[in-house]
């Protein structure tokens, strides 16, 4: 995995570079603002961009939209201090496939990137549940739209085990917590999530959460 780091805090960038390199993840380049991020993304075509939100010249959301418009295959994960719902929802709408808070531990951060390599975009604990609530709210407002009707999922597409994994993940549990409840390893939970995404022909975890919301299979926590 080749990663482009986008953040205007040099100390953080240096720390992230060291952490990634120590775990065999190549840092393809760095950028200190959104405009530079767009230029670097087009020139380097990294596999993943770790994007801050608040930066000078051009913010992370604008940069994300510009990059996804020209290089849709590049994965973008937001790495920020903001846990605000508005920023979370805007990031996903802009094309980000994950949202991590800078308060995350180094170990959890690397595990999240490994999960991304397996096809499971990362979200900090609790953020998935917020997305689910928002998707459910919007689905209620737009239940009669042609898009909703066309994309309505069929419950039979998932096995009982996959449905249970989805139910718990959509309720905001981490993969580790899901594994503990179902007596599965965290790696097995990640495998099930990758299989769920493949079976439903979905690309982002946020879309999987929306699926759970439409079926009403959220766990009572």
N, C-alpha and C. Protein backbone atom coordinates (compact mmCIF):
# COMPACT_ATOMS: atom_id res chain seq x y z
N UNK A 1 0.84 -1.20 0.00
CA UNK A 1 0.00 0.00 0.00
C UNK A 1 0.87 1.25 0.00
N UNK A 2 0.63 2.15 -0.94
CA UNK A 2 1.34 3.42 -1.03
C UNK A 2 0.40 4.52 -0.53
N UNK A 3 0.88 5.29 0.44
CA UNK A 3 0.03 6.25 1.13
C UNK A 3 0.52 7.68 0.92
N UNK A 4 -0.42 8.59 0.68
CA UNK A 4 -0.14 10.02 0.64
C UNK A 4 -0.69 10.62 1.93
N UNK A 5 0.17 11.32 2.68
CA UNK A 5 -0.23 11.95 3.93
C UNK A 5 -0.54 13.41 3.68
N UNK A 6 -1.73 13.86 4.10
CA UNK A 6 -2.14 15.25 3.89
C UNK A 6 -2.52 15.88 5.22
N UNK A 7 -1.65 16.74 5.73
CA UNK A 7 -1.88 17.39 7.02
C UNK A 7 -0.94 18.58 7.12
N UNK A 8 -1.40 19.67 7.74
CA UNK A 8 -0.55 20.86 7.85
C UNK A 8 0.27 20.90 9.13
N UNK A 9 0.21 19.83 9.93
CA UNK A 9 1.02 19.74 11.15
C UNK A 9 2.22 18.84 10.88
N UNK A 10 3.38 19.43 10.74
CA UNK A 10 4.57 18.70 10.33
C UNK A 10 4.95 17.61 11.32
N UNK A 11 4.80 17.88 12.61
CA UNK A 11 5.17 16.88 13.62
C UNK A 11 4.30 15.64 13.49
N UNK A 12 3.02 15.84 13.25
CA UNK A 12 2.11 14.70 13.07
C UNK A 12 2.49 13.91 11.82
N UNK A 13 2.79 14.61 10.74
CA UNK A 13 3.17 13.95 9.50
C UNK A 13 4.42 13.11 9.70
N UNK A 14 5.40 13.66 10.41
CA UNK A 14 6.64 12.91 10.66
C UNK A 14 6.37 11.67 11.51
N UNK A 15 5.50 11.83 12.52
CA UNK A 15 5.15 10.69 13.35
C UNK A 15 4.42 9.60 12.58
N UNK A 16 3.47 10.01 11.74
CA UNK A 16 2.74 9.05 10.92
C UNK A 16 3.66 8.34 9.94
N UNK A 17 4.57 9.09 9.36
CA UNK A 17 5.52 8.49 8.40
C UNK A 17 6.34 7.41 9.07
N UNK A 18 6.82 7.68 10.27
CA UNK A 18 7.62 6.70 11.00
C UNK A 18 6.79 5.47 11.36
N UNK A 19 5.55 5.70 11.80
CA UNK A 19 4.68 4.59 12.19
C UNK A 19 4.36 3.70 10.99
N UNK A 20 4.03 4.31 9.87
CA UNK A 20 3.69 3.54 8.68
C UNK A 20 4.91 2.77 8.16
N UNK A 21 6.04 3.43 8.11
CA UNK A 21 7.26 2.78 7.62
C UNK A 21 7.65 1.60 8.49
N UNK A 22 7.44 1.74 9.80
CA UNK A 22 7.78 0.67 10.73
C UNK A 22 6.93 -0.57 10.51
N UNK A 23 5.76 -0.40 9.88
CA UNK A 23 4.87 -1.52 9.62
C UNK A 23 4.82 -1.89 8.13
N UNK A 24 5.82 -1.48 7.40
CA UNK A 24 5.94 -1.88 6.01
C UNK A 24 4.98 -1.21 5.05
N UNK A 25 4.46 -0.05 5.44
CA UNK A 25 3.55 0.69 4.57
C UNK A 25 4.31 1.89 4.00
N UNK A 26 4.37 1.98 2.69
CA UNK A 26 5.18 3.01 2.04
C UNK A 26 4.48 4.36 2.03
N UNK A 27 5.21 5.41 2.38
CA UNK A 27 4.71 6.78 2.29
C UNK A 27 5.14 7.33 0.93
N UNK A 28 4.17 7.48 0.02
CA UNK A 28 4.48 7.92 -1.34
C UNK A 28 4.77 9.41 -1.40
N UNK A 29 4.19 10.17 -0.47
CA UNK A 29 4.40 11.60 -0.47
C UNK A 29 3.64 12.27 0.65
N UNK A 30 3.87 13.57 0.81
CA UNK A 30 3.17 14.36 1.83
C UNK A 30 2.71 15.66 1.22
N UNK A 31 1.64 16.23 1.81
CA UNK A 31 1.12 17.52 1.36
C UNK A 31 0.61 18.27 2.58
N UNK A 32 0.79 19.59 2.57
CA UNK A 32 0.40 20.38 3.73
C UNK A 32 -0.90 21.13 3.57
N UNK A 33 -1.55 21.02 2.43
CA UNK A 33 -2.85 21.66 2.23
C UNK A 33 -3.60 20.92 1.13
N UNK A 34 -4.86 21.24 0.98
CA UNK A 34 -5.70 20.52 0.03
C UNK A 34 -5.29 20.70 -1.42
N UNK A 35 -4.85 21.89 -1.78
CA UNK A 35 -4.44 22.12 -3.17
C UNK A 35 -3.22 21.26 -3.52
N UNK A 36 -2.25 21.21 -2.60
CA UNK A 36 -1.07 20.37 -2.82
C UNK A 36 -1.46 18.90 -2.84
N UNK A 37 -2.47 18.54 -2.05
CA UNK A 37 -2.92 17.14 -2.01
C UNK A 37 -3.46 16.71 -3.36
N UNK A 38 -4.25 17.58 -4.00
CA UNK A 38 -4.80 17.25 -5.32
C UNK A 38 -3.66 17.05 -6.33
N UNK A 39 -2.70 17.95 -6.31
CA UNK A 39 -1.58 17.85 -7.24
C UNK A 39 -0.77 16.57 -7.00
N UNK A 40 -0.52 16.27 -5.73
CA UNK A 40 0.24 15.07 -5.39
C UNK A 40 -0.52 13.81 -5.76
N UNK A 41 -1.83 13.82 -5.52
CA UNK A 41 -2.65 12.65 -5.84
C UNK A 41 -2.62 12.34 -7.33
N UNK A 42 -2.71 13.37 -8.16
CA UNK A 42 -2.71 13.18 -9.60
C UNK A 42 -1.33 12.74 -10.10
N UNK A 43 -0.28 13.24 -9.45
CA UNK A 43 1.08 12.91 -9.89
C UNK A 43 1.53 11.53 -9.39
N UNK A 44 1.19 11.21 -8.15
CA UNK A 44 1.69 9.98 -7.54
C UNK A 44 0.73 8.80 -7.65
N UNK A 45 -0.58 9.09 -7.76
CA UNK A 45 -1.62 8.06 -7.79
C UNK A 45 -1.41 7.01 -6.69
N UNK A 46 -1.45 7.44 -5.44
CA UNK A 46 -1.29 6.50 -4.32
C UNK A 46 -2.50 5.59 -4.18
N UNK A 47 -2.34 4.52 -3.42
CA UNK A 47 -3.47 3.63 -3.15
C UNK A 47 -4.42 4.25 -2.15
N UNK A 48 -3.84 5.01 -1.20
CA UNK A 48 -4.62 5.57 -0.10
C UNK A 48 -4.14 6.98 0.22
N UNK A 49 -5.08 7.85 0.54
CA UNK A 49 -4.75 9.19 1.04
C UNK A 49 -5.33 9.33 2.44
N UNK A 50 -4.49 9.70 3.39
CA UNK A 50 -4.95 10.03 4.74
C UNK A 50 -5.09 11.54 4.79
N UNK A 51 -6.32 12.01 4.89
CA UNK A 51 -6.65 13.43 4.66
C UNK A 51 -7.14 14.13 5.93
N UNK A 52 -6.49 15.21 6.29
CA UNK A 52 -6.98 16.06 7.37
C UNK A 52 -8.13 16.91 6.84
N UNK A 53 -8.95 17.45 7.73
CA UNK A 53 -10.07 18.27 7.29
C UNK A 53 -9.73 19.75 7.25
N UNK A 54 -9.22 20.27 8.36
CA UNK A 54 -8.96 21.70 8.46
C UNK A 54 -7.53 22.02 8.06
N UNK A 55 -7.38 22.66 6.90
CA UNK A 55 -6.05 23.02 6.38
C UNK A 55 -6.13 24.34 5.64
N UNK A 56 -5.02 25.03 5.50
CA UNK A 56 -5.01 26.29 4.75
C UNK A 56 -5.14 26.05 3.24
N UNK A 57 -5.42 27.13 2.53
CA UNK A 57 -5.50 27.16 1.06
C UNK A 57 -6.74 26.41 0.55
N UNK A 58 -6.83 25.12 0.90
CA UNK A 58 -7.96 24.29 0.45
C UNK A 58 -8.22 23.24 1.51
N UNK A 59 -9.45 23.14 2.00
CA UNK A 59 -9.76 22.20 3.08
C UNK A 59 -9.84 20.76 2.57
N UNK A 60 -9.87 19.82 3.51
CA UNK A 60 -9.84 18.40 3.17
C UNK A 60 -11.06 17.91 2.41
N UNK A 61 -12.24 18.45 2.72
CA UNK A 61 -13.45 18.01 2.03
C UNK A 61 -13.41 18.42 0.56
N UNK A 62 -13.00 19.64 0.29
CA UNK A 62 -12.89 20.11 -1.09
C UNK A 62 -11.87 19.28 -1.85
N UNK A 63 -10.72 19.04 -1.21
CA UNK A 63 -9.67 18.24 -1.84
C UNK A 63 -10.16 16.83 -2.13
N UNK A 64 -10.92 16.27 -1.21
CA UNK A 64 -11.45 14.92 -1.40
C UNK A 64 -12.36 14.86 -2.62
N UNK A 65 -13.25 15.83 -2.74
CA UNK A 65 -14.17 15.86 -3.90
C UNK A 65 -13.40 16.02 -5.21
N UNK A 66 -12.40 16.88 -5.22
CA UNK A 66 -11.62 17.10 -6.44
C UNK A 66 -10.84 15.86 -6.85
N UNK A 67 -10.27 15.19 -5.86
CA UNK A 67 -9.48 13.99 -6.15
C UNK A 67 -10.38 12.86 -6.64
N UNK A 68 -11.50 12.64 -5.96
CA UNK A 68 -12.39 11.54 -6.34
C UNK A 68 -13.00 11.78 -7.72
N UNK A 69 -13.17 13.04 -8.09
CA UNK A 69 -13.73 13.34 -9.41
C UNK A 69 -12.76 12.96 -10.52
N UNK A 70 -11.46 13.06 -10.23
CA UNK A 70 -10.45 12.78 -11.26
C UNK A 70 -9.79 11.42 -11.12
N UNK A 71 -9.72 10.91 -9.89
CA UNK A 71 -9.12 9.60 -9.64
C UNK A 71 -10.02 8.81 -8.69
N UNK A 72 -11.17 8.35 -9.17
CA UNK A 72 -12.15 7.67 -8.30
C UNK A 72 -11.63 6.40 -7.64
N UNK A 73 -10.59 5.79 -8.19
CA UNK A 73 -10.08 4.54 -7.61
C UNK A 73 -9.25 4.76 -6.36
N UNK A 74 -8.76 5.98 -6.15
CA UNK A 74 -7.94 6.26 -4.97
C UNK A 74 -8.83 6.28 -3.72
N UNK A 75 -8.45 5.53 -2.71
CA UNK A 75 -9.19 5.51 -1.46
C UNK A 75 -8.75 6.69 -0.59
N UNK A 76 -9.71 7.34 0.02
CA UNK A 76 -9.41 8.47 0.90
C UNK A 76 -10.04 8.22 2.26
N UNK A 77 -9.21 8.27 3.29
CA UNK A 77 -9.67 8.12 4.67
C UNK A 77 -9.39 9.42 5.40
N UNK A 78 -10.40 9.98 6.02
CA UNK A 78 -10.23 11.21 6.79
C UNK A 78 -9.58 10.88 8.13
N UNK A 79 -8.56 11.65 8.48
CA UNK A 79 -7.88 11.51 9.78
C UNK A 79 -7.92 12.89 10.43
N UNK A 80 -8.74 13.04 11.45
CA UNK A 80 -9.04 14.37 11.98
C UNK A 80 -9.28 14.35 13.48
N UNK A 81 -9.35 15.54 14.06
CA UNK A 81 -9.71 15.66 15.48
C UNK A 81 -11.21 15.87 15.64
N UNK A 82 -11.91 16.14 14.54
CA UNK A 82 -13.33 16.46 14.60
C UNK A 82 -14.21 15.21 14.66
N UNK A 83 -15.01 15.14 15.71
CA UNK A 83 -15.98 14.05 15.84
C UNK A 83 -17.40 14.57 15.59
N UNK A 84 -17.50 15.74 14.96
CA UNK A 84 -18.80 16.34 14.69
C UNK A 84 -19.55 15.56 13.60
N UNK A 85 -20.83 15.35 13.82
CA UNK A 85 -21.64 14.62 12.84
C UNK A 85 -21.60 15.28 11.46
N UNK A 86 -21.66 16.60 11.44
CA UNK A 86 -21.68 17.32 10.15
C UNK A 86 -20.42 17.01 9.34
N UNK A 87 -19.27 16.97 10.00
CA UNK A 87 -18.02 16.67 9.30
C UNK A 87 -18.00 15.21 8.83
N UNK A 88 -18.48 14.32 9.68
CA UNK A 88 -18.53 12.90 9.33
C UNK A 88 -19.40 12.67 8.10
N UNK A 89 -20.61 13.20 8.11
CA UNK A 89 -21.53 12.99 6.99
C UNK A 89 -21.00 13.65 5.72
N UNK A 90 -20.44 14.85 5.86
CA UNK A 90 -19.92 15.56 4.69
C UNK A 90 -18.74 14.81 4.08
N UNK A 91 -17.92 14.19 4.92
CA UNK A 91 -16.77 13.44 4.42
C UNK A 91 -17.21 12.26 3.58
N UNK A 92 -18.21 11.52 4.05
CA UNK A 92 -18.70 10.36 3.30
C UNK A 92 -19.36 10.81 2.01
N UNK A 93 -20.13 11.90 2.07
CA UNK A 93 -20.77 12.42 0.87
C UNK A 93 -19.73 12.90 -0.15
N UNK A 94 -18.59 13.35 0.33
CA UNK A 94 -17.54 13.86 -0.55
C UNK A 94 -16.75 12.74 -1.21
N UNK A 95 -16.92 11.51 -0.72
CA UNK A 95 -16.23 10.38 -1.34
C UNK A 95 -15.26 9.64 -0.47
N UNK A 96 -15.09 10.07 0.79
CA UNK A 96 -14.19 9.36 1.70
C UNK A 96 -14.77 7.99 2.02
N UNK A 97 -13.92 6.99 2.17
CA UNK A 97 -14.40 5.64 2.47
C UNK A 97 -14.14 5.26 3.92
N UNK A 98 -13.63 6.20 4.72
CA UNK A 98 -13.39 5.93 6.13
C UNK A 98 -13.18 7.22 6.88
N UNK A 99 -13.27 7.14 8.22
CA UNK A 99 -13.18 8.34 9.05
C UNK A 99 -12.57 7.94 10.38
N UNK A 100 -11.34 8.37 10.63
CA UNK A 100 -10.63 8.02 11.86
C UNK A 100 -10.30 9.28 12.64
N UNK A 101 -10.40 9.18 13.95
CA UNK A 101 -10.05 10.30 14.82
C UNK A 101 -8.58 10.22 15.21
N UNK A 102 -7.95 11.35 15.36
CA UNK A 102 -6.53 11.38 15.69
C UNK A 102 -6.24 10.89 17.10
N UNK A 103 -7.26 10.69 17.88
CA UNK A 103 -7.08 10.14 19.23
C UNK A 103 -6.87 8.62 19.20
N UNK A 104 -6.97 8.01 18.03
CA UNK A 104 -6.81 6.56 17.88
C UNK A 104 -5.39 6.14 18.27
N UNK A 105 -5.25 4.96 18.83
CA UNK A 105 -3.92 4.45 19.19
C UNK A 105 -3.17 4.01 17.94
N UNK A 106 -1.85 3.94 18.03
CA UNK A 106 -1.06 3.51 16.89
C UNK A 106 -1.42 2.11 16.45
N UNK A 107 -1.64 1.22 17.41
CA UNK A 107 -1.98 -0.16 17.09
C UNK A 107 -3.31 -0.25 16.36
N UNK A 108 -4.31 0.46 16.88
CA UNK A 108 -5.64 0.44 16.26
C UNK A 108 -5.59 1.09 14.87
N UNK A 109 -4.76 2.09 14.72
CA UNK A 109 -4.62 2.77 13.44
C UNK A 109 -4.08 1.82 12.37
N UNK A 110 -3.02 1.10 12.71
CA UNK A 110 -2.45 0.14 11.76
C UNK A 110 -3.44 -0.98 11.46
N UNK A 111 -4.16 -1.45 12.47
CA UNK A 111 -5.17 -2.50 12.26
C UNK A 111 -6.26 -2.00 11.31
N UNK A 112 -6.62 -0.73 11.45
CA UNK A 112 -7.65 -0.16 10.58
C UNK A 112 -7.17 -0.14 9.12
N UNK A 113 -5.91 0.19 8.92
CA UNK A 113 -5.37 0.20 7.55
C UNK A 113 -5.26 -1.21 6.99
N UNK A 114 -4.93 -2.17 7.84
CA UNK A 114 -4.89 -3.57 7.38
C UNK A 114 -6.28 -4.03 6.98
N UNK A 115 -7.27 -3.60 7.73
CA UNK A 115 -8.64 -3.94 7.36
C UNK A 115 -9.03 -3.33 6.03
N UNK A 116 -8.55 -2.13 5.77
CA UNK A 116 -8.82 -1.47 4.50
C UNK A 116 -8.22 -2.27 3.35
N UNK A 117 -7.05 -2.84 3.56
CA UNK A 117 -6.43 -3.68 2.54
C UNK A 117 -7.28 -4.90 2.23
N UNK A 118 -8.06 -5.35 3.22
CA UNK A 118 -8.94 -6.51 3.05
C UNK A 118 -10.32 -6.10 2.54
N UNK A 119 -10.48 -4.81 2.24
CA UNK A 119 -11.75 -4.35 1.68
C UNK A 119 -12.74 -3.81 2.68
N UNK A 120 -12.30 -3.56 3.92
CA UNK A 120 -13.21 -3.06 4.95
C UNK A 120 -12.77 -1.65 5.35
N UNK A 121 -13.39 -0.61 4.80
CA UNK A 121 -13.02 0.77 5.14
C UNK A 121 -13.18 1.04 6.64
N UNK A 122 -12.26 1.82 7.21
CA UNK A 122 -12.22 2.01 8.66
C UNK A 122 -13.02 3.21 9.19
N UNK A 123 -13.64 3.00 10.35
CA UNK A 123 -14.29 4.07 11.08
C UNK A 123 -13.94 3.94 12.56
N UNK A 124 -13.72 5.06 13.22
CA UNK A 124 -13.48 5.01 14.66
C UNK A 124 -14.73 4.51 15.35
N UNK A 125 -14.59 3.83 16.51
CA UNK A 125 -15.74 3.28 17.23
C UNK A 125 -16.81 4.33 17.49
N UNK A 126 -18.05 3.94 17.26
CA UNK A 126 -19.18 4.82 17.52
C UNK A 126 -19.63 5.62 16.30
N UNK A 127 -18.73 5.86 15.36
CA UNK A 127 -19.09 6.67 14.19
C UNK A 127 -20.01 5.91 13.24
N UNK A 128 -19.85 4.60 13.19
CA UNK A 128 -20.72 3.79 12.32
C UNK A 128 -22.18 3.93 12.74
N UNK A 129 -22.42 3.95 14.05
CA UNK A 129 -23.79 4.08 14.55
C UNK A 129 -24.39 5.43 14.17
N UNK A 130 -23.57 6.48 14.19
CA UNK A 130 -24.07 7.80 13.80
C UNK A 130 -24.44 7.82 12.32
N UNK A 131 -23.63 7.18 11.50
CA UNK A 131 -23.95 7.09 10.08
C UNK A 131 -25.26 6.34 9.87
N UNK A 132 -25.43 5.26 10.62
CA UNK A 132 -26.65 4.47 10.51
C UNK A 132 -27.87 5.32 10.82
N UNK A 133 -27.79 6.10 11.89
CA UNK A 133 -28.91 6.96 12.27
C UNK A 133 -29.23 7.96 11.16
N UNK A 134 -28.19 8.52 10.55
CA UNK A 134 -28.40 9.50 9.50
C UNK A 134 -29.00 8.86 8.25
N UNK A 135 -28.48 7.69 7.88
CA UNK A 135 -29.03 6.99 6.72
C UNK A 135 -30.49 6.61 6.97
N UNK A 136 -30.79 6.16 8.17
CA UNK A 136 -32.16 5.79 8.50
C UNK A 136 -33.09 6.99 8.41
N UNK A 137 -32.61 8.14 8.90
CA UNK A 137 -33.41 9.36 8.84
C UNK A 137 -33.67 9.76 7.40
N UNK A 138 -32.63 9.71 6.59
CA UNK A 138 -32.79 10.11 5.19
C UNK A 138 -33.65 9.12 4.42
N UNK A 139 -33.52 7.83 4.77
CA UNK A 139 -34.34 6.81 4.11
C UNK A 139 -35.81 7.05 4.41
N UNK A 140 -36.09 7.49 5.64
CA UNK A 140 -37.46 7.77 6.01
C UNK A 140 -38.03 8.95 5.25
N UNK A 141 -37.17 9.93 4.96
CA UNK A 141 -37.61 11.12 4.24
C UNK A 141 -37.78 10.86 2.75
N UNK A 142 -37.03 9.87 2.26
CA UNK A 142 -37.01 9.67 0.80
C UNK A 142 -37.33 8.22 0.42
N UNK A 143 -38.20 7.59 1.22
CA UNK A 143 -38.49 6.17 1.03
C UNK A 143 -39.12 5.87 -0.32
N UNK A 144 -39.79 6.85 -0.91
CA UNK A 144 -40.50 6.61 -2.17
C UNK A 144 -39.67 6.93 -3.40
N UNK A 145 -38.41 7.36 -3.21
CA UNK A 145 -37.60 7.74 -4.36
C UNK A 145 -37.26 6.53 -5.22
N UNK A 146 -37.03 6.77 -6.48
CA UNK A 146 -36.70 5.68 -7.40
C UNK A 146 -35.39 5.01 -7.03
N UNK A 147 -34.43 5.80 -6.55
CA UNK A 147 -33.14 5.23 -6.18
C UNK A 147 -33.28 4.26 -5.01
N UNK A 148 -34.06 4.65 -4.01
CA UNK A 148 -34.26 3.78 -2.85
C UNK A 148 -34.92 2.49 -3.27
N UNK A 149 -35.89 2.59 -4.16
CA UNK A 149 -36.59 1.39 -4.61
C UNK A 149 -35.66 0.48 -5.39
N UNK A 150 -34.81 1.08 -6.21
CA UNK A 150 -33.92 0.28 -7.04
C UNK A 150 -32.83 -0.39 -6.25
N UNK A 151 -32.40 0.26 -5.15
CA UNK A 151 -31.27 -0.28 -4.39
C UNK A 151 -31.70 -1.02 -3.13
N UNK A 152 -33.01 -1.21 -2.94
CA UNK A 152 -33.47 -1.90 -1.74
C UNK A 152 -32.92 -3.32 -1.69
N UNK A 153 -32.20 -3.70 -0.62
CA UNK A 153 -31.55 -5.00 -0.55
C UNK A 153 -32.50 -6.12 -0.15
N UNK A 154 -32.14 -7.30 -0.49
CA UNK A 154 -32.92 -8.47 -0.13
C UNK A 154 -32.25 -9.19 1.04
N UNK A 155 -32.95 -9.42 2.15
CA UNK A 155 -32.36 -10.07 3.31
C UNK A 155 -31.77 -11.44 3.00
N UNK A 156 -32.33 -12.14 2.04
CA UNK A 156 -31.89 -13.51 1.75
C UNK A 156 -30.49 -13.57 1.17
N UNK A 157 -29.94 -12.43 0.79
CA UNK A 157 -28.62 -12.42 0.17
C UNK A 157 -27.52 -12.73 1.17
N UNK A 158 -27.78 -12.60 2.46
CA UNK A 158 -26.78 -12.85 3.49
C UNK A 158 -27.11 -14.11 4.28
N UNK A 159 -26.06 -14.77 4.75
CA UNK A 159 -26.26 -15.93 5.62
C UNK A 159 -26.64 -15.44 7.01
N UNK A 160 -27.20 -16.31 7.85
CA UNK A 160 -27.55 -15.91 9.22
C UNK A 160 -26.35 -15.34 9.98
N UNK A 161 -25.17 -15.95 9.82
CA UNK A 161 -23.97 -15.46 10.51
C UNK A 161 -23.58 -14.07 10.01
N UNK A 162 -23.65 -13.85 8.70
CA UNK A 162 -23.31 -12.55 8.14
C UNK A 162 -24.30 -11.49 8.61
N UNK A 163 -25.56 -11.86 8.68
CA UNK A 163 -26.58 -10.92 9.15
C UNK A 163 -26.31 -10.52 10.60
N UNK A 164 -25.89 -11.49 11.42
CA UNK A 164 -25.60 -11.19 12.82
C UNK A 164 -24.38 -10.28 12.95
N UNK A 165 -23.35 -10.54 12.16
CA UNK A 165 -22.17 -9.68 12.16
C UNK A 165 -22.55 -8.26 11.74
N UNK A 166 -23.33 -8.15 10.67
CA UNK A 166 -23.77 -6.85 10.19
C UNK A 166 -24.58 -6.12 11.24
N UNK A 167 -25.46 -6.83 11.92
CA UNK A 167 -26.33 -6.24 12.94
C UNK A 167 -25.50 -5.60 14.05
N UNK A 168 -24.45 -6.28 14.49
CA UNK A 168 -23.62 -5.78 15.58
C UNK A 168 -22.71 -4.64 15.13
N UNK A 169 -22.13 -4.78 13.95
CA UNK A 169 -21.26 -3.72 13.43
C UNK A 169 -22.04 -2.43 13.22
N UNK A 170 -23.25 -2.57 12.67
CA UNK A 170 -24.08 -1.40 12.40
C UNK A 170 -24.54 -0.72 13.68
N UNK A 171 -24.49 -1.45 14.80
CA UNK A 171 -24.88 -0.88 16.08
C UNK A 171 -23.73 -0.13 16.74
N UNK A 172 -22.58 -0.10 16.08
CA UNK A 172 -21.47 0.69 16.58
C UNK A 172 -20.37 -0.08 17.28
N UNK A 173 -20.47 -1.42 17.33
CA UNK A 173 -19.43 -2.20 17.97
C UNK A 173 -18.19 -2.28 17.10
N UNK A 174 -17.02 -2.35 17.73
CA UNK A 174 -15.80 -2.58 16.98
C UNK A 174 -15.75 -4.04 16.56
N UNK A 175 -14.86 -4.36 15.63
CA UNK A 175 -14.74 -5.74 15.18
C UNK A 175 -14.33 -6.65 16.35
N UNK A 176 -13.49 -6.13 17.22
CA UNK A 176 -13.07 -6.92 18.38
C UNK A 176 -14.25 -7.23 19.29
N UNK A 177 -15.10 -6.23 19.52
CA UNK A 177 -16.28 -6.43 20.37
C UNK A 177 -17.28 -7.38 19.73
N UNK A 178 -17.43 -7.29 18.41
CA UNK A 178 -18.31 -8.22 17.70
C UNK A 178 -17.79 -9.64 17.86
N UNK A 179 -16.46 -9.81 17.71
CA UNK A 179 -15.86 -11.13 17.87
C UNK A 179 -16.09 -11.70 19.25
N UNK A 180 -16.00 -10.86 20.26
CA UNK A 180 -16.22 -11.32 21.63
C UNK A 180 -17.65 -11.79 21.84
N UNK A 181 -18.60 -11.08 21.26
CA UNK A 181 -20.00 -11.46 21.42
C UNK A 181 -20.34 -12.75 20.67
N UNK A 182 -19.68 -12.95 19.52
CA UNK A 182 -20.01 -14.11 18.69
C UNK A 182 -18.99 -15.24 18.79
N UNK A 183 -18.02 -15.08 19.71
CA UNK A 183 -16.97 -16.09 19.89
C UNK A 183 -16.18 -16.31 18.58
N UNK A 184 -15.85 -15.20 17.93
CA UNK A 184 -15.07 -15.24 16.69
C UNK A 184 -13.81 -14.40 16.87
N UNK A 185 -12.80 -14.69 16.07
CA UNK A 185 -11.61 -13.85 16.09
C UNK A 185 -11.90 -12.56 15.35
N UNK A 186 -11.14 -11.51 15.67
CA UNK A 186 -11.33 -10.24 14.99
C UNK A 186 -11.08 -10.38 13.48
N UNK A 187 -10.13 -11.21 13.12
CA UNK A 187 -9.83 -11.44 11.71
C UNK A 187 -11.02 -12.08 11.00
N UNK A 188 -11.71 -13.01 11.69
CA UNK A 188 -12.87 -13.65 11.10
C UNK A 188 -14.00 -12.66 10.89
N UNK A 189 -14.16 -11.74 11.85
CA UNK A 189 -15.19 -10.71 11.71
C UNK A 189 -14.89 -9.84 10.50
N UNK A 190 -13.62 -9.47 10.33
CA UNK A 190 -13.23 -8.67 9.17
C UNK A 190 -13.51 -9.43 7.86
N UNK A 191 -13.25 -10.73 7.89
CA UNK A 191 -13.52 -11.56 6.71
C UNK A 191 -15.01 -11.54 6.37
N UNK A 192 -15.85 -11.70 7.41
CA UNK A 192 -17.29 -11.68 7.19
C UNK A 192 -17.74 -10.34 6.61
N UNK A 193 -17.17 -9.23 7.11
CA UNK A 193 -17.55 -7.92 6.60
C UNK A 193 -17.14 -7.77 5.13
N UNK A 194 -15.97 -8.28 4.78
CA UNK A 194 -15.54 -8.22 3.39
C UNK A 194 -16.48 -9.04 2.51
N UNK A 195 -16.91 -10.20 3.01
CA UNK A 195 -17.83 -11.05 2.27
C UNK A 195 -19.20 -10.38 2.11
N UNK A 196 -19.64 -9.70 3.17
CA UNK A 196 -20.92 -8.98 3.11
C UNK A 196 -20.87 -7.92 2.02
N UNK A 197 -19.78 -7.16 2.00
CA UNK A 197 -19.64 -6.11 0.99
C UNK A 197 -19.61 -6.69 -0.42
N UNK A 198 -18.93 -7.82 -0.57
CA UNK A 198 -18.84 -8.45 -1.88
C UNK A 198 -20.21 -8.98 -2.33
N UNK A 199 -20.93 -9.62 -1.40
CA UNK A 199 -22.24 -10.19 -1.75
C UNK A 199 -23.25 -9.12 -2.13
N UNK A 200 -23.16 -7.97 -1.46
CA UNK A 200 -24.13 -6.91 -1.72
C UNK A 200 -23.67 -5.95 -2.80
N UNK A 201 -22.47 -6.21 -3.34
CA UNK A 201 -21.90 -5.36 -4.39
C UNK A 201 -21.78 -3.92 -3.92
N UNK A 202 -21.27 -3.76 -2.70
CA UNK A 202 -21.07 -2.44 -2.12
C UNK A 202 -19.58 -2.15 -2.02
N UNK A 203 -19.23 -0.86 -2.04
CA UNK A 203 -17.83 -0.47 -2.01
C UNK A 203 -17.42 0.13 -0.67
N UNK A 204 -18.35 0.74 0.04
CA UNK A 204 -18.01 1.45 1.26
C UNK A 204 -18.77 0.89 2.45
N UNK A 205 -18.13 0.96 3.60
CA UNK A 205 -18.78 0.48 4.82
C UNK A 205 -20.03 1.30 5.12
N UNK A 206 -20.03 2.57 4.75
CA UNK A 206 -21.21 3.39 4.98
C UNK A 206 -22.41 2.85 4.22
N UNK A 207 -22.18 2.28 3.04
CA UNK A 207 -23.27 1.69 2.26
C UNK A 207 -23.80 0.43 2.94
N UNK A 208 -22.89 -0.32 3.58
CA UNK A 208 -23.29 -1.51 4.31
C UNK A 208 -24.16 -1.12 5.50
N UNK A 209 -23.78 -0.04 6.17
CA UNK A 209 -24.56 0.45 7.31
C UNK A 209 -25.95 0.89 6.85
N UNK A 210 -26.00 1.51 5.68
CA UNK A 210 -27.29 1.92 5.14
C UNK A 210 -28.17 0.70 4.86
N UNK A 211 -27.55 -0.37 4.38
CA UNK A 211 -28.26 -1.63 4.13
C UNK A 211 -28.91 -2.12 5.42
N UNK A 212 -28.13 -2.11 6.50
CA UNK A 212 -28.66 -2.56 7.79
C UNK A 212 -29.82 -1.68 8.24
N UNK A 213 -29.70 -0.39 7.99
CA UNK A 213 -30.76 0.53 8.38
C UNK A 213 -32.05 0.28 7.63
N UNK A 214 -31.92 -0.03 6.33
CA UNK A 214 -33.11 -0.30 5.52
C UNK A 214 -33.82 -1.58 5.96
N UNK A 215 -33.03 -2.55 6.41
CA UNK A 215 -33.64 -3.81 6.84
C UNK A 215 -34.11 -3.77 8.29
N UNK A 216 -33.69 -2.75 9.02
CA UNK A 216 -34.08 -2.66 10.42
C UNK A 216 -33.49 -3.76 11.27
N UNK A 217 -32.22 -4.13 11.01
CA UNK A 217 -31.61 -5.24 11.75
C UNK A 217 -30.53 -4.76 12.72
N UNK A 218 -30.77 -3.58 13.31
CA UNK A 218 -29.79 -3.03 14.25
C UNK A 218 -30.00 -3.66 15.63
N UNK A 219 -28.88 -4.02 16.27
CA UNK A 219 -28.96 -4.67 17.57
C UNK A 219 -29.42 -3.71 18.65
N UNK A 220 -30.10 -4.22 19.65
CA UNK A 220 -30.48 -3.42 20.83
C UNK A 220 -29.31 -3.44 21.79
N UNK A 221 -28.65 -2.28 21.96
CA UNK A 221 -27.46 -2.20 22.79
C UNK A 221 -27.81 -1.57 24.14
